[in-house]
C-alpha atoms as a PDB file:
ATOM      1  CA  UNK A   1     105.663  87.307 100.314  1.00  0.00           C
ATOM      2  CA  UNK A   2     104.791  84.434  98.094  1.00  0.00           C
ATOM      3  CA  UNK A   3     101.351  84.069  99.669  1.00  0.00           C
ATOM      4  CA  UNK A   4      98.149  83.448  97.730  1.00  0.00           C
ATOM      5  CA  UNK A   5      96.511  86.850  97.415  1.00  0.00           C
ATOM      6  CA  UNK A   6      94.590  86.392  94.161  1.00  0.00           C
ATOM      7  CA  UNK A   7      91.468  88.222  95.354  1.00  0.00           C
ATOM      8  CA  UNK A   8      92.690  90.248  98.285  1.00  0.00           C
ATOM      9  CA  UNK A   9      91.332  93.760  98.698  1.00  0.00           C
ATOM     10  CA  UNK A  10      93.487  96.705  97.646  1.00  0.00           C
ATOM     11  CA  UNK A  11      93.162 100.026  99.479  1.00  0.00           C
ATOM     12  CA  UNK A  12      94.309 102.928  97.302  1.00  0.00           C
ATOM     13  CA  UNK A  13      95.469 105.870  99.408  1.00  0.00           C
ATOM     14  CA  UNK A  14      95.719 109.293  97.744  1.00  0.00           C
ATOM     15  CA  UNK A  15      97.183 112.198  99.774  1.00  0.00           C
ATOM     16  CA  UNK A  16      95.908 115.567  98.565  1.00  0.00           C
ATOM     17  CA  UNK A  17      96.425 119.274  99.050  1.00  0.00           C
ATOM     18  CA  UNK A  18      94.760 121.529  96.469  1.00  0.00           C
ATOM     19  CA  UNK A  19      94.590 118.856  93.767  1.00  0.00           C
ATOM     20  CA  UNK A  20      91.254 119.780  92.149  1.00  0.00           C
ATOM     21  CA  UNK A  21      92.883 119.742  88.711  1.00  0.00           C
ATOM     22  CA  UNK A  22      94.094 116.170  89.117  1.00  0.00           C
ATOM     23  CA  UNK A  23      92.031 114.205  91.622  1.00  0.00           C
ATOM     24  CA  UNK A  24      89.161 113.253  89.290  1.00  0.00           C
ATOM     25  CA  UNK A  25      91.515 111.686  86.742  1.00  0.00           C
ATOM     26  CA  UNK A  26      93.451 109.831  89.440  1.00  0.00           C
ATOM     27  CA  UNK A  27      90.253 108.342  90.858  1.00  0.00           C
ATOM     28  CA  UNK A  28      88.896 107.477  87.414  1.00  0.00           C
ATOM     29  CA  UNK A  29      91.968 105.351  86.710  1.00  0.00           C
ATOM     30  CA  UNK A  30      91.217 103.177  89.736  1.00  0.00           C
ATOM     31  CA  UNK A  31      88.159 101.901  87.803  1.00  0.00           C
ATOM     32  CA  UNK A  32      87.291  99.362  86.555  1.00  0.00           C
ATOM     33  CA  UNK A  33      89.060  97.064  88.967  1.00  0.00           C
ATOM     34  CA  UNK A  34      88.148  94.331  91.400  1.00  0.00           C
ATOM     35  CA  UNK A  35      87.886  94.422  95.180  1.00  0.00           C
ATOM     36  CA  UNK A  36      89.352  97.861  95.860  1.00  0.00           C
ATOM     37  CA  UNK A  37      88.626 100.905  97.977  1.00  0.00           C
ATOM     38  CA  UNK A  38      89.838 104.465  97.416  1.00  0.00           C
ATOM     39  CA  UNK A  39      90.753 106.692 100.357  1.00  0.00           C
ATOM     40  CA  UNK A  40      91.526 110.369  99.763  1.00  0.00           C
ATOM     41  CA  UNK A  41      93.456 111.899 102.660  1.00  0.00           C
ATOM     42  CA  UNK A  42      93.142 115.661 102.451  1.00  0.00           C
ATOM     43  CA  UNK A  43      95.361 118.115 104.308  1.00  0.00           C
ATOM     44  CA  UNK A  44      93.118 121.170 104.211  1.00  0.00           C
ATOM     45  CA  UNK A  45      92.622 121.919 100.520  1.00  0.00           C
ATOM     46  CA  UNK A  46      91.294 125.392  99.725  1.00  0.00           C
ATOM     47  CA  UNK A  47      90.008 124.373  96.292  1.00  0.00           C
ATOM     48  CA  UNK A  48      87.383 121.803  95.219  1.00  0.00           C
ATOM     49  CA  UNK A  49      89.497 118.703  95.876  1.00  0.00           C
ATOM     50  CA  UNK A  50      87.293 117.358  98.672  1.00  0.00           C
ATOM     51  CA  UNK A  51      84.023 118.157  96.880  1.00  0.00           C
ATOM     52  CA  UNK A  52      85.202 116.360  93.740  1.00  0.00           C
ATOM     53  CA  UNK A  53      86.335 113.298  95.692  1.00  0.00           C
ATOM     54  CA  UNK A  54      83.045 113.227  97.619  1.00  0.00           C
ATOM     55  CA  UNK A  55      81.065 113.429  94.390  1.00  0.00           C
ATOM     56  CA  UNK A  56      82.861 110.340  93.084  1.00  0.00           C
ATOM     57  CA  UNK A  57      81.801 108.271  96.062  1.00  0.00           C
ATOM     58  CA  UNK A  58      85.209 107.542  97.568  1.00  0.00           C
ATOM     59  CA  UNK A  59      86.119 107.735 101.242  1.00  0.00           C
ATOM     60  CA  UNK A  60      87.565 111.126 102.256  1.00  0.00           C
ATOM     61  CA  UNK A  61      89.332 111.752 105.557  1.00  0.00           C
ATOM     62  CA  UNK A  62      91.248 114.730 106.930  1.00  0.00           C
ATOM     63  CA  UNK A  63      94.841 114.827 108.118  1.00  0.00           C
ATOM     64  CA  UNK A  64      97.491 117.289 109.179  1.00  0.00           C
ATOM     65  CA  UNK A  65      99.649 118.353 106.205  1.00  0.00           C
ATOM     66  CA  UNK A  66     102.601 116.206 105.189  1.00  0.00           C
ATOM     67  CA  UNK A  67     102.550 113.351 102.722  1.00  0.00           C
ATOM     68  CA  UNK A  68     103.931 110.774 105.186  1.00  0.00           C
ATOM     69  CA  UNK A  69     101.360 111.673 107.842  1.00  0.00           C
ATOM     70  CA  UNK A  70      98.551 111.633 105.296  1.00  0.00           C
ATOM     71  CA  UNK A  71      99.495 108.246 103.868  1.00  0.00           C
ATOM     72  CA  UNK A  72      99.848 106.754 107.342  1.00  0.00           C
ATOM     73  CA  UNK A  73      96.443 108.149 108.291  1.00  0.00           C
ATOM     74  CA  UNK A  74      94.930 106.518 105.224  1.00  0.00           C
ATOM     75  CA  UNK A  75      96.602 103.212 106.013  1.00  0.00           C
ATOM     76  CA  UNK A  76      95.155 103.244 109.521  1.00  0.00           C
ATOM     77  CA  UNK A  77      91.556 103.344 108.234  1.00  0.00           C
ATOM     78  CA  UNK A  78      92.122 101.068 105.222  1.00  0.00           C
ATOM     79  CA  UNK A  79      90.286  97.758 105.147  1.00  0.00           C
ATOM     80  CA  UNK A  80      92.359  96.148 102.389  1.00  0.00           C
ATOM     81  CA  UNK A  81      95.082  93.546 102.818  1.00  0.00           C
ATOM     82  CA  UNK A  82      97.185  95.448 100.261  1.00  0.00           C
ATOM     83  CA  UNK A  83      97.989  99.181 100.310  1.00  0.00           C
ATOM     84  CA  UNK A  84      98.670 101.197  97.147  1.00  0.00           C
ATOM     85  CA  UNK A  85      99.974 104.731  97.692  1.00  0.00           C
ATOM     86  CA  UNK A  86      99.028 106.918  94.728  1.00  0.00           C
ATOM     87  CA  UNK A  87     100.020 110.545  94.138  1.00  0.00           C
ATOM     88  CA  UNK A  88      97.070 112.696  93.061  1.00  0.00           C
ATOM     89  CA  UNK A  89      98.789 113.676  89.805  1.00  0.00           C
ATOM     90  CA  UNK A  90      99.539 110.075  88.811  1.00  0.00           C
ATOM     91  CA  UNK A  91      97.303 107.800  86.744  1.00  0.00           C
ATOM     92  CA  UNK A  92      97.160 104.021  87.043  1.00  0.00           C
ATOM     93  CA  UNK A  93      97.272 101.599  84.093  1.00  0.00           C
ATOM     94  CA  UNK A  94      94.328  99.371  83.205  1.00  0.00           C
ATOM     95  CA  UNK A  95      94.622  96.092  85.100  1.00  0.00           C
ATOM     96  CA  UNK A  96      96.816  97.557  87.831  1.00  0.00           C
ATOM     97  CA  UNK A  97      95.015  95.521  90.486  1.00  0.00           C
ATOM     98  CA  UNK A  98      95.901  92.151  88.962  1.00  0.00           C
ATOM     99  CA  UNK A  99      99.459  93.333  88.291  1.00  0.00           C
ATOM    100  CA  UNK A 100      99.862  94.191  91.978  1.00  0.00           C
ATOM    101  CA  UNK A 101      98.454  90.882  93.206  1.00  0.00           C
ATOM    102  CA  UNK A 102     100.683  88.979  90.798  1.00  0.00           C
ATOM    103  CA  UNK A 103     103.801  90.933  91.782  1.00  0.00           C
ATOM    104  CA  UNK A 104     103.283  90.356  95.498  1.00  0.00           C
ATOM    105  CA  UNK A 105     103.116  86.595  94.971  1.00  0.00           C
ATOM    106  CA  UNK A 106     106.624  86.405  93.522  1.00  0.00           C
ATOM    107  CA  UNK A 107     109.254  84.732  95.729  1.00  0.00           C
ATOM    108  CA  UNK A 108     110.932  87.066  98.261  1.00  0.00           C
ATOM    109  CA  UNK A 109     108.925  90.092  97.078  1.00  0.00           C
ATOM    110  CA  UNK A 110     107.948  92.368  99.973  1.00  0.00           C
ATOM    111  CA  UNK A 111     106.653  95.379  98.027  1.00  0.00           C
ATOM    112  CA  UNK A 112     106.590  96.882  94.563  1.00  0.00           C
ATOM    113  CA  UNK A 113     106.010  99.850  92.295  1.00  0.00           C
ATOM    114  CA  UNK A 114     105.374 100.619  88.648  1.00  0.00           C
ATOM    115  CA  UNK A 115     107.582 101.869  85.854  1.00  0.00           C
ATOM    116  CA  UNK A 116     107.345 105.654  85.390  1.00  0.00           C
ATOM    117  CA  UNK A 117     106.032 107.575  82.387  1.00  0.00           C
ATOM    118  CA  UNK A 118     105.850 111.391  82.373  1.00  0.00           C
ATOM    119  CA  UNK A 119     103.042 113.049  80.421  1.00  0.00           C
ATOM    120  CA  UNK A 120     105.009 115.217  78.031  1.00  0.00           C
ATOM    121  CA  UNK A 121     106.853 114.810  74.737  1.00  0.00           C
ATOM    122  CA  UNK A 122     110.038 116.560  75.903  1.00  0.00           C
ATOM    123  CA  UNK A 123     113.140 114.553  75.039  1.00  0.00           C
ATOM    124  CA  UNK A 124     114.751 115.497  78.341  1.00  0.00           C
ATOM    125  CA  UNK A 125     111.986 113.741  80.222  1.00  0.00           C
ATOM    126  CA  UNK A 126     112.477 110.590  78.163  1.00  0.00           C
ATOM    127  CA  UNK A 127     115.991 110.588  79.631  1.00  0.00           C
ATOM    128  CA  UNK A 128     114.543 111.060  83.121  1.00  0.00           C
ATOM    129  CA  UNK A 129     112.261 108.068  82.535  1.00  0.00           C
ATOM    130  CA  UNK A 130     115.242 106.022  81.376  1.00  0.00           C
ATOM    131  CA  UNK A 131     117.179 106.953  84.499  1.00  0.00           C
ATOM    132  CA  UNK A 132     114.236 106.092  86.763  1.00  0.00           C
ATOM    133  CA  UNK A 133     113.828 102.742  85.010  1.00  0.00           C
ATOM    134  CA  UNK A 134     117.418 101.702  85.660  1.00  0.00           C
ATOM    135  CA  UNK A 135     117.536 103.145  89.167  1.00  0.00           C
ATOM    136  CA  UNK A 136     114.424 101.130  90.004  1.00  0.00           C
ATOM    137  CA  UNK A 137     115.583  97.873  88.449  1.00  0.00           C
ATOM    138  CA  UNK A 138     119.294  97.887  89.259  1.00  0.00           C
ATOM    139  CA  UNK A 139     119.167  99.480  92.699  1.00  0.00           C
ATOM    140  CA  UNK A 140     115.633  98.489  93.775  1.00  0.00           C
ATOM    141  CA  UNK A 141     114.816 102.159  94.449  1.00  0.00           C
ATOM    142  CA  UNK A 142     111.414 103.267  93.170  1.00  0.00           C
ATOM    143  CA  UNK A 143     110.049 106.563  94.478  1.00  0.00           C
ATOM    144  CA  UNK A 144     106.542 107.576  95.509  1.00  0.00           C
ATOM    145  CA  UNK A 145     105.450 108.822  92.080  1.00  0.00           C
ATOM    146  CA  UNK A 146     105.766 105.208  90.876  1.00  0.00           C
ATOM    147  CA  UNK A 147     102.799 104.125  93.053  1.00  0.00           C
ATOM    148  CA  UNK A 148     104.370 101.996  95.789  1.00  0.00           C
ATOM    149  CA  UNK A 149     102.377  98.976  97.004  1.00  0.00           C
ATOM    150  CA  UNK A 150     102.825  96.674  99.991  1.00  0.00           C
ATOM    151  CA  UNK A 151     100.755  94.353 102.170  1.00  0.00           C
ATOM    152  CA  UNK A 152      99.053  96.076 105.092  1.00  0.00           C
ATOM    153  CA  UNK A 153     100.542  93.590 107.536  1.00  0.00           C
ATOM    154  CA  UNK A 154     104.124  94.273 106.495  1.00  0.00           C
ATOM    155  CA  UNK A 155     103.564  98.032 106.260  1.00  0.00           C
ATOM    156  CA  UNK A 156     102.556  98.095 109.912  1.00  0.00           C
ATOM    157  CA  UNK A 157     105.332  95.697 110.933  1.00  0.00           C
ATOM    158  CA  UNK A 158     108.046  97.975 109.562  1.00  0.00           C
ATOM    159  CA  UNK A 159     106.570 101.044 111.237  1.00  0.00           C
ATOM    160  CA  UNK A 160     104.664 102.704 108.354  1.00  0.00           C
ATOM    161  CA  UNK A 161     106.124 105.740 106.563  1.00  0.00           C
ATOM    162  CA  UNK A 162     108.601 107.615 108.746  1.00  0.00           C
ATOM    163  CA  UNK A 163     106.847 110.869 109.600  1.00  0.00           C
ATOM    164  CA  UNK A 164     109.513 113.158 108.202  1.00  0.00           C
ATOM    165  CA  UNK A 165     108.823 116.185 105.980  1.00  0.00           C
ATOM    166  CA  UNK A 166     110.545 114.754 102.888  1.00  0.00           C
ATOM    167  CA  UNK A 167     112.209 111.518 101.697  1.00  0.00           C
ATOM    168  CA  UNK A 168     109.603 109.319 103.386  1.00  0.00           C
ATOM    169  CA  UNK A 169     109.324 107.080 100.305  1.00  0.00           C
ATOM    170  CA  UNK A 170     113.116 106.737 100.040  1.00  0.00           C
ATOM    171  CA  UNK A 171     113.394 105.708 103.696  1.00  0.00           C
ATOM    172  CA  UNK A 172     110.524 103.217 103.447  1.00  0.00           C
ATOM    173  CA  UNK A 173     112.107 101.493 100.455  1.00  0.00           C
ATOM    174  CA  UNK A 174     115.476 101.386 102.213  1.00  0.00           C
ATOM    175  CA  UNK A 175     113.852  99.520 105.108  1.00  0.00           C
ATOM    176  CA  UNK A 176     112.094  97.111 102.770  1.00  0.00           C
ATOM    177  CA  UNK A 177     115.243  96.317 100.800  1.00  0.00           C
ATOM    178  CA  UNK A 178     116.809  94.915 103.964  1.00  0.00           C
ATOM    179  CA  UNK A 179     114.173  92.194 104.223  1.00  0.00           C
ATOM    180  CA  UNK A 180     113.282  91.281 100.650  1.00  0.00           C
ATOM    181  CA  UNK A 181     112.888  92.220  97.010  1.00  0.00           C
ATOM    182  CA  UNK A 182     111.079  95.214  95.496  1.00  0.00           C
ATOM    183  CA  UNK A 183     109.136  94.197  92.368  1.00  0.00           C
ATOM    184  CA  UNK A 184     109.024  96.698  89.501  1.00  0.00           C
ATOM    185  CA  UNK A 185     105.986  96.205  87.283  1.00  0.00           C
ATOM    186  CA  UNK A 186     106.970  96.665  83.633  1.00  0.00           C
ATOM    187  CA  UNK A 187     103.779  98.613  82.838  1.00  0.00           C
ATOM    188  CA  UNK A 188     103.897 102.349  83.555  1.00  0.00           C
ATOM    189  CA  UNK A 189     101.927 104.724  85.679  1.00  0.00           C
ATOM    190  CA  UNK A 190     101.652 108.165  84.051  1.00  0.00           C
ATOM    191  CA  UNK A 191     102.608 111.118  86.223  1.00  0.00           C
ATOM    192  CA  UNK A 192     102.333 114.857  85.671  1.00  0.00           C
ATOM    193  CA  UNK A 193     105.283 116.736  84.213  1.00  0.00           C
ATOM    194  CA  UNK A 194     104.433 119.862  86.219  1.00  0.00           C
ATOM    195  CA  UNK A 195     107.353 119.806  88.658  1.00  0.00           C
ATOM    196  CA  UNK A 196     109.902 119.275  85.867  1.00  0.00           C
ATOM    197  CA  UNK A 197     108.364 121.939  83.626  1.00  0.00           C
ATOM    198  CA  UNK A 198     108.219 124.546  86.371  1.00  0.00           C
ATOM    199  CA  UNK A 199     111.973 124.817  86.875  1.00  0.00           C
ATOM    200  CA  UNK A 200     113.258 122.942  83.849  1.00  0.00           C
ATOM    201  CA  UNK A 201     114.295 119.304  83.474  1.00  0.00           C
ATOM    202  CA  UNK A 202     117.977 119.815  84.292  1.00  0.00           C
ATOM    203  CA  UNK A 203     117.396 122.031  87.340  1.00  0.00           C
ATOM    204  CA  UNK A 204     114.682 119.752  88.719  1.00  0.00           C
ATOM    205  CA  UNK A 205     116.820 116.643  88.295  1.00  0.00           C
ATOM    206  CA  UNK A 206     119.795 118.388  89.884  1.00  0.00           C
ATOM    207  CA  UNK A 207     117.766 119.501  92.910  1.00  0.00           C
ATOM    208  CA  UNK A 208     116.373 115.988  93.328  1.00  0.00           C
ATOM    209  CA  UNK A 209     119.854 114.458  93.297  1.00  0.00           C
ATOM    210  CA  UNK A 210     121.251 117.042  95.721  1.00  0.00           C
ATOM    211  CA  UNK A 211     118.422 116.275  98.152  1.00  0.00           C
ATOM    212  CA  UNK A 212     119.046 112.502  97.963  1.00  0.00           C
ATOM    213  CA  UNK A 213     122.812 112.872  98.441  1.00  0.00           C
ATOM    214  CA  UNK A 214     122.341 115.329 101.307  1.00  0.00           C
ATOM    215  CA  UNK A 215     119.914 112.931 102.984  1.00  0.00           C
ATOM    216  CA  UNK A 216     122.403 110.084 102.698  1.00  0.00           C
ATOM    217  CA  UNK A 217     125.027 112.319 104.317  1.00  0.00           C
ATOM    218  CA  UNK A 218     122.735 112.960 107.263  1.00  0.00           C
ATOM    219  CA  UNK A 219     121.293 116.409 106.532  1.00  0.00           C
ATOM    220  CA  UNK A 220     118.078 116.691 108.625  1.00  0.00           C
ATOM    221  CA  UNK A 221     114.850 116.242 106.613  1.00  0.00           C
ATOM    222  CA  UNK A 222     113.516 119.630 107.769  1.00  0.00           C
ATOM    223  CA  UNK A 223     116.494 121.354 106.120  1.00  0.00           C
ATOM    224  CA  UNK A 224     116.021 119.269 102.984  1.00  0.00           C
ATOM    225  CA  UNK A 225     112.379 120.289 102.804  1.00  0.00           C
ATOM    226  CA  UNK A 226     113.388 123.945 102.936  1.00  0.00           C
ATOM    227  CA  UNK A 227     115.877 123.359 100.130  1.00  0.00           C
ATOM    228  CA  UNK A 228     113.243 121.599  98.062  1.00  0.00           C
ATOM    229  CA  UNK A 229     110.684 124.313  98.650  1.00  0.00           C
ATOM    230  CA  UNK A 230     113.136 126.989  97.590  1.00  0.00           C
ATOM    231  CA  UNK A 231     113.524 125.114  94.327  1.00  0.00           C
ATOM    232  CA  UNK A 232     109.836 124.334  93.852  1.00  0.00           C
ATOM    233  CA  UNK A 233     107.444 127.037  94.950  1.00  0.00           C
ATOM    234  CA  UNK A 234     104.106 125.253  94.455  1.00  0.00           C
ATOM    235  CA  UNK A 235     101.284 123.829  96.497  1.00  0.00           C
ATOM    236  CA  UNK A 236     102.193 120.164  96.683  1.00  0.00           C
ATOM    237  CA  UNK A 237     102.181 118.672 100.162  1.00  0.00           C
ATOM    238  CA  UNK A 238     105.865 118.248 101.035  1.00  0.00           C
END
């Protein structure tokens, strides 16, 4: 928070489960950059995810399934002073490393994330992007697909990601909002449209909102995960 971190090391943590179609592109977008490490945390992929990551020279570790557990496992072996949590189907912008260091030096900033762009031309998803932009800026509520970043010291102080089966990013940001400001970088990360295209933009958005509201009303995360899985039958690690 406001400290001089011009050349601090950034550890990029990518949780994976059967992400062979996406992992190479995600890793490629971490380069070129300065003073970073990439850690892929795999939860037992049955495809070529691990082989691809190994071939690109990044660190690969194994974890039990569950995005929160995987990201925490990556954080525990990270050597950087800053942690960047990147979904395997999300691509970073050029210069992301300097943007992160700059954002974390702003007064009262405790963490941050990027603006969201979805890789499709569908008009409905332009509306989703618009909604995410204003949710992030007005309510300080970015989600995990916006590439959340935070100092390692603070991440450990607040107890890491809560190891719940869903909504771990939402809960982390809620904790952080109580102690400081969440910076939203104006440049976008680009994320896959696959989960919106599978069920349709309206249905996907509706399910997402139902899950958030149910969580706020105290529905247990395990039940929310079952609801989410019923809506999205795919191999992502929720």
